[in-house]
Protein backbone atom coordinates (compact mmCIF):
# COMPACT_ATOMS: atom_id res chain seq x y z
CA MET A 1 -13.89 -2.66 -0.31
CA LYS A 2 -14.40 0.00 -2.97
CA ASP A 3 -13.30 2.66 -0.49
CA ILE A 4 -9.87 1.05 -0.08
CA LYS A 5 -7.27 2.38 -2.52
CA LYS A 6 -3.84 0.88 -3.10
CA LEU A 7 -1.16 3.56 -2.72
CA GLU A 8 1.23 4.03 -5.62
CA LYS A 9 4.62 5.77 -5.69
CA GLU A 10 3.07 9.14 -6.64
CA ASP A 11 0.78 8.89 -3.58
CA PHE A 12 3.76 8.45 -1.27
CA ILE A 13 5.50 11.43 -2.90
CA ASN A 14 2.39 13.57 -2.38
CA LEU A 15 2.17 12.45 1.24
CA THR A 16 5.76 13.54 1.77
CA LYS A 17 5.03 16.94 0.23
CA ASN A 18 1.69 17.63 1.92
CA ASP A 19 1.46 15.60 5.14
CA SER A 20 4.81 15.77 6.84
CA TYR A 21 3.42 14.03 9.94
CA LEU A 22 2.89 10.84 7.89
CA SER A 23 6.29 10.73 6.24
CA PRO A 24 9.36 9.39 8.01
CA GLU A 25 11.43 12.18 9.52
CA ASP A 26 14.75 10.94 8.20
CA LEU A 27 13.69 10.95 4.51
CA SER A 28 13.67 14.00 2.29
CA LEU A 29 11.44 14.39 -0.76
CA GLU A 30 14.38 13.64 -3.06
CA GLU A 31 15.12 10.41 -1.20
CA VAL A 32 11.47 9.36 -1.37
CA LYS A 33 11.48 9.89 -5.15
CA LYS A 34 14.50 7.57 -5.51
CA LEU A 35 12.99 4.66 -3.56
CA LYS A 36 11.10 1.79 -5.20
CA LEU A 37 7.42 1.27 -4.41
CA ASN A 38 7.94 -1.80 -2.20
CA ASP A 39 10.61 0.05 -0.22
CA LEU A 40 8.24 2.99 0.27
CA ARG A 41 5.57 0.66 1.59
CA LYS A 42 8.04 -0.74 4.12
CA VAL A 43 9.33 2.68 5.19
CA PHE A 44 5.88 4.23 5.59
CA ASN A 45 4.50 1.00 7.09
CA PHE A 46 1.20 1.12 5.17
CA THR A 47 0.04 0.13 1.70
CA HIS A 48 -3.60 1.23 1.35
CA VAL A 49 -5.83 4.16 2.31
CA ASP A 50 -9.53 4.13 3.16
CA THR A 51 -10.82 7.08 1.16
CA LYS A 52 -13.94 7.49 3.31
CA THR A 53 -12.23 7.71 6.67
CA ASN A 54 -8.76 8.74 5.43
CA THR A 55 -7.13 6.00 7.51
CA TYR A 56 -4.09 4.03 6.38
CA HIS A 57 -3.78 0.24 6.42
CA LYS A 58 -1.02 -2.26 5.85
CA VAL A 59 -1.54 -5.43 3.85
CA ILE A 60 -0.65 -8.62 5.66
CA GLU A 61 1.10 -10.55 2.90
CA GLY A 62 -0.59 -13.84 2.19
CA VAL A 63 -3.73 -12.80 4.09
CA ASN A 64 -4.93 -9.66 2.29
CA CYS A 65 -4.97 -9.11 -1.47
CA MET A 66 -2.39 -6.49 -2.49
CA ASP A 67 -4.90 -4.93 -4.91
CA CYS A 68 -8.40 -5.02 -3.45
CA PHE A 69 -7.36 -5.54 0.23
CA ALA A 70 -9.85 -8.42 0.56
CA GLU A 71 -9.05 -11.14 3.07
CA MET A 72 -8.06 -14.33 1.25
CA LYS A 73 -8.51 -17.93 2.26
CA ASN A 74 -5.90 -20.50 1.20
CA ASP A 75 -7.81 -21.52 -1.93
CA GLU A 76 -8.45 -17.93 -3.07
CA HIS A 77 -4.82 -17.06 -3.90
CA SER A 78 -3.85 -16.50 -7.52
CA SER A 79 -1.57 -19.17 -8.94
CA ILE A 80 0.49 -16.39 -10.59
CA ASN A 81 1.25 -14.38 -7.45
CA LYS A 82 0.26 -15.41 -3.92
CA ASN A 83 -0.13 -11.78 -2.77
CA TYR A 84 -3.20 -11.30 -4.99
CA CYS A 85 -6.61 -12.94 -5.12
CA ARG A 86 -7.85 -14.75 -8.21
CA GLU A 87 -10.18 -11.91 -9.22
CA CYS A 88 -7.39 -9.30 -9.27
CA LEU A 89 -4.96 -11.31 -11.43
């Protein structure tokens, strides 16, 4: 899973600037800059990018770790935050 990278706010801003086909049509760059990271993930409908294939993926909350994108079983969740595996938190 080393090729999977979690997208941050700056990544979404760069996507809006450079790849207009990925960004939602109804949002301008200024509006994207004002949104919070979780809102950007919902609007764009993906959370991670595979750097080898340049494909975008969406985390399934409670199934995939929000950091490393690994699939989690019920006993692998962190007790601090259920969206992350034990190794990431």
